[in-house]
């Protein structure tokens, strides 16, 4: 092990500009929201009605930015040292606020239990005894203070990775298996790759078909879609567990993909169910409806048909229509007595009314 390698924080010339722009944008949004919601109360002097949570947010977010500036200050003045004893992240004496000393880290080679390189995140994770805090280093943010010509300069990897490879650190310590899910490449395993492509296709289908459809369920019944989601999750989990016997898949990946499959298939079952009802259900018929007294529902003359329910946002429009006025609604009876509405005419009428108001 060499005596000492010193790394300094690699400055990003745009970091301050981006941080200032983000800070200005966030503060502007907070000020705008406060003005819209509470400015009238401020003018009236009725401060008691201002929600404490809003004040905490208004104060907490700027404090968060101040804390971020302090952390940036620490890293600009800190040194990452790799030597024969271990790895240390230290702040140079007199170069920063003493309160930031808690960000310093130290881990001895004698205490190291595992060293893991998470290439997807650009992190080196060093874990020691359970009583000591692990050390995570973002490798691209550090560069050798005085580059050593003995390192392989033709290698395009960051300085710290090249040094660890030259010193055979990754070979000297075991890998932390708890990070298998983070380092697993979903597109390289045949089973996960096929599943991702299938779920991607279902997402695209659900989006495109929902944009093209003009009908929707009269009453949303979550039961069938929940059943589809749970069935998809169980099938996907079973297939992945079977596939991992030949090519290893971390358990966390299996659980995450099963959950994603449940959501994807559940949504697709809703969109696909509407389309199946259009193809296999009954014809789209015109039925007579009347608005109710509260201007929130359309009630059918045929009591076997479902009620059309609206929200308070459409109350003005329906109250402008007579209670005895006939409203023609297109209704389709689908499979298993699941009714669907085509409310394009009503939606257009409501939109036109609001534009004229």
Protein backbone atom coordinates (compact mmCIF):
# COMPACT_ATOMS: atom_id res chain seq x y z
CA UNK A 1 0.00 0.00 0.00
CA UNK A 2 1.54 3.41 -0.93
CA UNK A 3 2.18 6.05 1.69
CA UNK A 4 -0.33 8.72 0.63
CA UNK A 5 -2.60 9.68 -2.27
CA UNK A 6 -4.45 12.97 -1.86
CA UNK A 7 -7.63 13.78 -3.80
CA UNK A 8 -9.29 17.19 -4.11
CA UNK A 9 -12.89 17.99 -4.95
CA UNK A 10 -13.42 18.51 -8.67
CA UNK A 11 -15.17 21.84 -9.09
CA UNK A 12 -18.07 22.21 -11.49
CA UNK A 13 -17.95 25.64 -13.07
CA UNK A 14 -21.72 25.65 -13.55
CA UNK A 15 -22.73 24.35 -10.10
CA UNK A 16 -23.10 27.77 -8.49
CA UNK A 17 -25.04 29.20 -11.41
CA UNK A 18 -27.43 26.26 -11.47
CA UNK A 19 -27.87 26.35 -7.70
CA UNK A 20 -28.61 30.08 -7.72
CA UNK A 21 -31.12 29.70 -10.55
CA UNK A 22 -32.81 26.80 -8.76
CA UNK A 23 -32.87 28.75 -5.50
CA UNK A 24 -34.38 31.81 -7.19
CA UNK A 25 -37.01 29.69 -8.95
CA UNK A 26 -37.97 27.85 -5.75
CA UNK A 27 -38.20 31.03 -3.67
CA UNK A 28 -40.27 32.69 -6.41
CA UNK A 29 -42.71 29.77 -6.44
CA UNK A 30 -42.98 29.84 -2.65
CA UNK A 31 -43.58 33.59 -2.66
CA UNK A 32 -46.19 33.22 -5.38
CA UNK A 33 -48.04 30.47 -3.54
CA UNK A 34 -47.95 32.44 -0.30
CA UNK A 35 -49.27 35.55 -2.05
CA UNK A 36 -52.12 33.66 -3.71
CA UNK A 37 -53.19 31.87 -0.53
CA UNK A 38 -52.38 34.20 2.36
CA UNK A 39 -51.83 37.76 1.12
CA UNK A 40 -55.41 38.78 1.92
CA UNK A 41 -54.96 37.50 5.48
CA UNK A 42 -51.72 39.46 5.83
CA UNK A 43 -53.44 42.68 4.71
CA UNK A 44 -56.21 42.09 7.24
CA UNK A 45 -53.68 41.27 9.95
CA UNK A 46 -55.35 37.92 10.58
CA UNK A 47 -52.16 35.92 10.98
CA UNK A 48 -53.79 33.19 13.08
CA UNK A 49 -55.38 31.67 9.99
CA UNK A 50 -52.03 31.13 8.29
CA UNK A 51 -51.26 27.42 8.46
CA UNK A 52 -48.13 26.67 10.54
CA UNK A 53 -47.13 24.04 7.97
CA UNK A 54 -46.86 26.74 5.31
CA UNK A 55 -44.58 28.85 7.50
CA UNK A 56 -42.41 25.80 8.23
CA UNK A 57 -42.11 25.16 4.49
CA UNK A 58 -41.30 28.81 3.73
CA UNK A 59 -38.56 28.80 6.35
CA UNK A 60 -37.37 25.22 5.90
CA UNK A 61 -36.64 25.32 2.18
CA UNK A 62 -34.33 28.40 2.38
CA UNK A 63 -32.58 26.77 5.34
CA UNK A 64 -32.13 23.68 3.18
CA UNK A 65 -30.37 25.78 0.56
CA UNK A 66 -28.14 27.33 3.23
CA UNK A 67 -27.23 23.85 4.46
CA UNK A 68 -26.47 22.80 0.88
CA UNK A 69 -24.13 25.80 0.45
CA UNK A 70 -22.35 24.81 3.68
CA UNK A 71 -21.88 21.23 2.43
CA UNK A 72 -20.48 22.53 -0.86
CA UNK A 73 -18.09 24.71 1.15
CA UNK A 74 -16.94 21.67 3.11
CA UNK A 75 -16.17 19.64 -0.01
CA UNK A 76 -14.32 22.52 -1.67
CA UNK A 77 -11.92 22.67 1.27
CA UNK A 78 -11.78 18.96 2.13
CA UNK A 79 -9.23 16.35 1.11
CA UNK A 80 -9.83 12.68 0.40
CA UNK A 81 -6.75 10.76 1.52
CA UNK A 82 -5.91 7.16 0.66
CA UNK A 83 -2.88 5.78 2.49
CA UNK A 84 -1.55 2.68 4.18
CA UNK A 85 -3.97 3.07 7.11
CA UNK A 86 -7.19 3.52 5.17
CA UNK A 87 -9.41 6.20 3.61
CA UNK A 88 -10.07 9.59 5.20
CA UNK A 89 -12.23 12.55 4.23
CA UNK A 90 -10.89 15.54 6.18
CA UNK A 91 -11.42 19.27 6.26
CA UNK A 92 -8.22 21.28 6.21
CA UNK A 93 -7.63 23.18 9.48
CA UNK A 94 -8.95 26.73 9.34
CA UNK A 95 -10.47 26.26 5.86
CA UNK A 96 -14.12 25.93 6.83
CA UNK A 97 -16.66 26.18 9.65
CA UNK A 98 -15.90 23.83 12.53
CA UNK A 99 -19.58 22.84 12.69
CA UNK A 100 -19.14 20.94 9.40
CA UNK A 101 -16.65 18.56 11.00
CA UNK A 102 -19.46 16.00 11.34
CA UNK A 103 -19.17 15.40 7.57
CA UNK A 104 -15.66 14.03 7.98
CA UNK A 105 -15.25 10.30 7.48
CA UNK A 106 -12.54 7.76 8.29
CA UNK A 107 -12.35 4.04 7.69
CA UNK A 108 -9.30 1.84 8.36
CA UNK A 109 -8.31 -0.98 6.04
CA UNK A 110 -8.17 -3.24 9.08
CA UNK A 111 -11.86 -2.55 9.77
CA UNK A 112 -13.11 -2.83 6.18
CA UNK A 113 -15.51 -5.73 5.60
CA UNK A 114 -16.58 -4.99 2.01
CA UNK A 115 -15.83 -2.61 -0.86
CA UNK A 116 -18.48 -2.24 -3.55
CA UNK A 117 -18.34 -0.15 -6.72
CA UNK A 118 -21.83 0.87 -7.84
CA UNK A 119 -21.06 1.77 -11.44
CA UNK A 120 -24.66 2.82 -12.16
CA UNK A 121 -24.41 5.54 -9.50
CA UNK A 122 -20.67 6.21 -9.70
CA UNK A 123 -20.22 5.36 -6.01
CA UNK A 124 -17.65 3.44 -4.00
CA UNK A 125 -19.20 2.06 -0.82
CA UNK A 126 -16.88 0.94 2.00
CA UNK A 127 -18.53 -0.94 4.84
CA UNK A 128 -16.78 -1.75 8.11
CA UNK A 129 -17.95 -3.11 11.46
CA UNK A 130 -21.65 -2.66 12.32
CA UNK A 131 -20.80 -0.05 14.96
CA UNK A 132 -19.05 2.22 12.44
CA UNK A 133 -20.74 4.31 9.78
CA UNK A 134 -20.15 3.22 6.13
CA UNK A 135 -18.34 5.55 3.74
CA UNK A 136 -19.76 6.36 0.30
CA UNK A 137 -17.66 8.29 -2.20
CA UNK A 138 -18.89 9.72 -5.51
CA UNK A 139 -15.80 8.99 -7.58
CA UNK A 140 -16.26 11.52 -10.39
CA UNK A 141 -16.20 14.40 -7.94
CA UNK A 142 -12.61 13.71 -6.83
CA UNK A 143 -9.30 14.07 -8.68
CA UNK A 144 -5.70 13.44 -7.70
CA UNK A 145 -4.06 16.53 -6.26
CA UNK A 146 -0.74 15.53 -7.87
CA UNK A 147 -1.44 12.83 -10.45
CA UNK A 148 0.95 9.90 -10.16
CA UNK A 149 2.42 8.88 -13.48
CA UNK A 150 2.54 5.27 -12.31
CA UNK A 151 -1.23 5.03 -12.68
CA UNK A 152 -2.59 3.84 -16.01
CA UNK A 153 -3.28 7.24 -17.60
CA UNK A 154 -4.73 5.64 -20.73
CA UNK A 155 -7.64 4.35 -18.67
CA UNK A 156 -10.67 6.64 -19.00
CA UNK A 157 -12.00 5.75 -15.54
CA UNK A 158 -12.02 8.36 -12.74
CA UNK A 159 -8.81 8.77 -10.76
CA UNK A 160 -10.09 7.09 -7.61
CA UNK A 161 -11.31 3.99 -9.48
CA UNK A 162 -7.99 3.69 -11.32
CA UNK A 163 -6.14 3.94 -8.02
CA UNK A 164 -8.30 1.29 -6.34
CA UNK A 165 -7.80 -1.05 -9.29
CA UNK A 166 -4.04 -0.50 -9.29
CA UNK A 167 -3.95 -1.25 -5.56
CA UNK A 168 -6.28 -4.27 -6.03
CA UNK A 169 -8.66 -2.95 -3.38
CA UNK A 170 -11.71 -4.52 -5.03
CA UNK A 171 -9.97 -7.92 -5.08
CA UNK A 172 -8.76 -7.63 -1.49
CA UNK A 173 -12.24 -7.18 0.01
CA UNK A 174 -15.54 -8.90 -0.62
CA UNK A 175 -18.47 -7.28 -2.37
CA UNK A 176 -21.54 -6.27 -0.36
CA UNK A 177 -24.33 -8.51 -1.70
CA UNK A 178 -26.99 -6.14 -0.39
CA UNK A 179 -26.19 -3.95 -3.41
CA UNK A 180 -26.83 -6.69 -5.96
CA UNK A 181 -30.14 -5.12 -6.92
CA UNK A 182 -28.49 -1.73 -7.50
CA UNK A 183 -25.77 -3.16 -9.74
CA UNK A 184 -28.00 -5.62 -11.61
CA UNK A 185 -28.43 -4.79 -15.31
CA UNK A 186 -32.04 -5.46 -16.24
CA UNK A 187 -31.36 -5.30 -19.98
CA UNK A 188 -28.68 -8.01 -19.89
CA UNK A 189 -30.73 -10.76 -18.28
CA UNK A 190 -33.02 -12.35 -20.91
CA UNK A 191 -36.00 -12.75 -18.58
CA UNK A 192 -35.96 -9.21 -17.17
CA UNK A 193 -35.28 -7.75 -20.62
CA UNK A 194 -38.34 -9.47 -22.11
CA UNK A 195 -40.47 -8.40 -19.15
CA UNK A 196 -39.37 -4.76 -19.47
CA UNK A 197 -40.16 -4.79 -23.19
CA UNK A 198 -43.59 -6.30 -22.48
CA UNK A 199 -44.38 -3.74 -19.77
CA UNK A 200 -43.10 -0.94 -22.00
CA UNK A 201 -45.44 -2.13 -24.75
CA UNK A 202 -48.36 -2.19 -22.33
CA UNK A 203 -47.58 1.34 -21.12
CA UNK A 204 -47.47 2.62 -24.72
CA UNK A 205 -50.70 0.78 -25.54
CA UNK A 206 -52.47 2.14 -22.44
CA UNK A 207 -51.41 5.69 -23.22
CA UNK A 208 -52.28 5.61 -26.93
CA UNK A 209 -55.57 3.73 -26.57
CA UNK A 210 -56.74 5.94 -23.69
CA UNK A 211 -56.16 8.96 -25.95
CA UNK A 212 -58.16 7.36 -28.78
CA UNK A 213 -61.06 6.07 -26.67
CA UNK A 214 -64.24 8.10 -26.27
CA UNK A 215 -66.00 5.88 -23.76
CA UNK A 216 -65.56 5.23 -20.07
CA UNK A 217 -67.05 2.99 -17.43
CA UNK A 218 -70.29 4.19 -15.89
CA UNK A 219 -69.12 2.93 -12.49
CA UNK A 220 -65.51 2.14 -11.73
CA UNK A 221 -65.24 -1.27 -10.09
CA UNK A 222 -61.68 -1.83 -8.89
CA UNK A 223 -62.19 -5.56 -8.23
CA UNK A 224 -61.45 -6.93 -11.75
CA UNK A 225 -58.43 -4.67 -12.20
CA UNK A 226 -57.07 -5.50 -8.76
CA UNK A 227 -57.45 -9.18 -9.63
CA UNK A 228 -55.60 -8.62 -12.91
CA UNK A 229 -52.83 -6.77 -11.06
CA UNK A 230 -52.41 -9.44 -8.38
CA UNK A 231 -52.48 -12.23 -10.96
CA UNK A 232 -49.84 -10.46 -13.06
CA UNK A 233 -47.64 -9.94 -10.01
CA UNK A 234 -47.90 -13.60 -9.00
CA UNK A 235 -47.19 -14.88 -12.52
CA UNK A 236 -44.25 -12.51 -13.06
CA UNK A 237 -42.74 -13.36 -9.67
CA UNK A 238 -43.08 -17.09 -10.40
CA UNK A 239 -41.47 -16.79 -13.83
CA UNK A 240 -38.59 -14.67 -12.53
CA UNK A 241 -37.94 -17.03 -9.62
CA UNK A 242 -37.84 -19.89 -12.12
CA UNK A 243 -35.50 -17.93 -14.42
CA UNK A 244 -33.12 -17.00 -11.58
CA UNK A 245 -32.23 -20.66 -11.07
CA UNK A 246 -30.21 -20.53 -14.29
CA UNK A 247 -29.20 -16.84 -14.32
CA UNK A 248 -29.20 -15.12 -10.92
CA UNK A 249 -31.71 -12.31 -10.29
CA UNK A 250 -31.56 -10.48 -6.93
CA UNK A 251 -34.69 -10.97 -4.78
CA UNK A 252 -35.18 -7.20 -4.60
CA UNK A 253 -35.35 -7.02 -8.38
CA UNK A 254 -37.95 -9.81 -8.46
CA UNK A 255 -40.12 -7.97 -5.92
CA UNK A 256 -39.77 -4.62 -7.68
CA UNK A 257 -40.59 -6.04 -11.12
CA UNK A 258 -43.58 -7.94 -9.72
CA UNK A 259 -44.90 -4.68 -8.26
CA UNK A 260 -44.29 -2.82 -11.53
CA UNK A 261 -46.06 -5.59 -13.42
CA UNK A 262 -49.05 -5.33 -11.10
CA UNK A 263 -49.39 -1.59 -11.78
CA UNK A 264 -48.80 -1.95 -15.53
CA UNK A 265 -51.21 -4.84 -16.05
CA UNK A 266 -53.79 -3.25 -13.75
CA UNK A 267 -53.86 -0.03 -15.79
CA UNK A 268 -53.81 -1.95 -19.08
CA UNK A 269 -56.76 -4.06 -17.92
CA UNK A 270 -58.82 -0.89 -17.39
CA UNK A 271 -58.00 0.55 -20.81
CA UNK A 272 -58.30 -2.82 -22.52
CA UNK A 273 -61.56 -3.57 -20.73
CA UNK A 274 -63.21 -0.51 -22.25
CA UNK A 275 -62.01 -1.56 -25.69
CA UNK A 276 -63.17 -5.18 -25.20
CA UNK A 277 -66.64 -3.95 -24.21
CA UNK A 278 -66.78 -1.90 -27.39
CA UNK A 279 -65.98 -4.95 -29.50
CA UNK A 280 -67.80 -7.70 -27.61
CA UNK A 281 -70.52 -5.78 -25.75
CA UNK A 282 -73.86 -4.49 -26.91
CA UNK A 283 -74.45 -1.60 -29.34
CA UNK A 284 -74.05 2.06 -28.39
CA UNK A 285 -77.63 3.27 -27.78
CA UNK A 286 -79.09 6.72 -27.17
CA UNK A 287 -81.03 7.01 -23.91
CA UNK A 288 -83.07 9.85 -22.40
CA UNK A 289 -81.80 11.49 -19.20
CA UNK A 290 -82.74 14.50 -17.05
CA UNK A 291 -80.63 16.44 -14.61
CA UNK A 292 -81.41 16.18 -10.92
CA UNK A 293 -82.37 19.08 -8.65
CA UNK A 294 -78.81 19.58 -7.37
CA UNK A 295 -77.34 19.75 -10.90
CA UNK A 296 -74.87 16.97 -10.08
CA UNK A 297 -76.39 13.94 -11.82
CA UNK A 298 -78.20 12.89 -14.97
CA UNK A 299 -81.04 10.50 -14.15
CA UNK A 300 -82.27 7.99 -16.78
CA UNK A 301 -85.89 7.60 -17.73
CA UNK A 302 -85.17 3.87 -18.03
CA UNK A 303 -84.45 2.90 -14.42
CA UNK A 304 -82.36 -0.09 -15.53
CA UNK A 305 -79.68 2.24 -16.89
CA UNK A 306 -76.91 3.75 -14.74
CA UNK A 307 -76.85 7.33 -13.44
CA UNK A 308 -74.35 9.83 -14.90
CA UNK A 309 -72.51 11.58 -12.07
CA UNK A 310 -70.69 14.91 -12.36
CA UNK A 311 -68.63 17.04 -9.98
CA UNK A 312 -69.22 20.54 -8.61
CA UNK A 313 -67.21 21.97 -11.52
CA UNK A 314 -70.12 21.39 -13.91
CA UNK A 315 -72.90 22.61 -11.62
CA UNK A 316 -73.28 25.98 -13.35
CA UNK A 317 -73.81 24.38 -16.72
CA UNK A 318 -76.36 21.78 -15.61
CA UNK A 319 -78.27 24.34 -13.56
CA UNK A 320 -78.60 26.38 -16.76
CA UNK A 321 -80.50 23.48 -18.30
CA UNK A 322 -84.13 22.87 -17.44
CA UNK A 323 -84.92 20.00 -15.10
CA UNK A 324 -87.46 18.67 -17.61
CA UNK A 325 -85.14 19.10 -20.58
CA UNK A 326 -84.22 15.79 -22.19
CA UNK A 327 -80.51 15.01 -22.32
CA UNK A 328 -79.50 12.36 -24.85
CA UNK A 329 -76.74 10.13 -23.50
CA UNK A 330 -75.02 7.35 -25.41
CA UNK A 331 -74.90 4.15 -23.37
CA UNK A 332 -73.38 0.76 -24.07
CA UNK A 333 -74.03 -2.40 -22.07
CA UNK A 334 -70.80 -4.36 -21.97
CA UNK A 335 -69.82 -7.77 -20.70
CA UNK A 336 -70.92 -8.83 -17.22
CA UNK A 337 -73.43 -5.92 -17.05
CA UNK A 338 -70.68 -3.30 -17.14
CA UNK A 339 -72.11 -0.12 -18.66
CA UNK A 340 -70.12 2.50 -20.56
CA UNK A 341 -70.91 6.10 -21.53
CA UNK A 342 -69.86 8.15 -24.53
CA UNK A 343 -70.18 11.69 -23.15
CA UNK A 344 -68.39 13.63 -25.87
CA UNK A 345 -71.46 15.75 -26.67
CA UNK A 346 -72.01 16.68 -23.02
CA UNK A 347 -68.32 17.43 -22.49
CA UNK A 348 -68.24 19.72 -25.54
CA UNK A 349 -71.37 21.52 -24.38
CA UNK A 350 -69.89 22.11 -20.91
CA UNK A 351 -66.62 23.36 -22.38
CA UNK A 352 -68.41 25.75 -24.76
CA UNK A 353 -70.53 27.07 -21.88
CA UNK A 354 -67.49 27.77 -19.72
CA UNK A 355 -65.72 29.58 -22.55
CA UNK A 356 -68.71 31.86 -23.06
CA UNK A 357 -69.17 32.55 -19.32
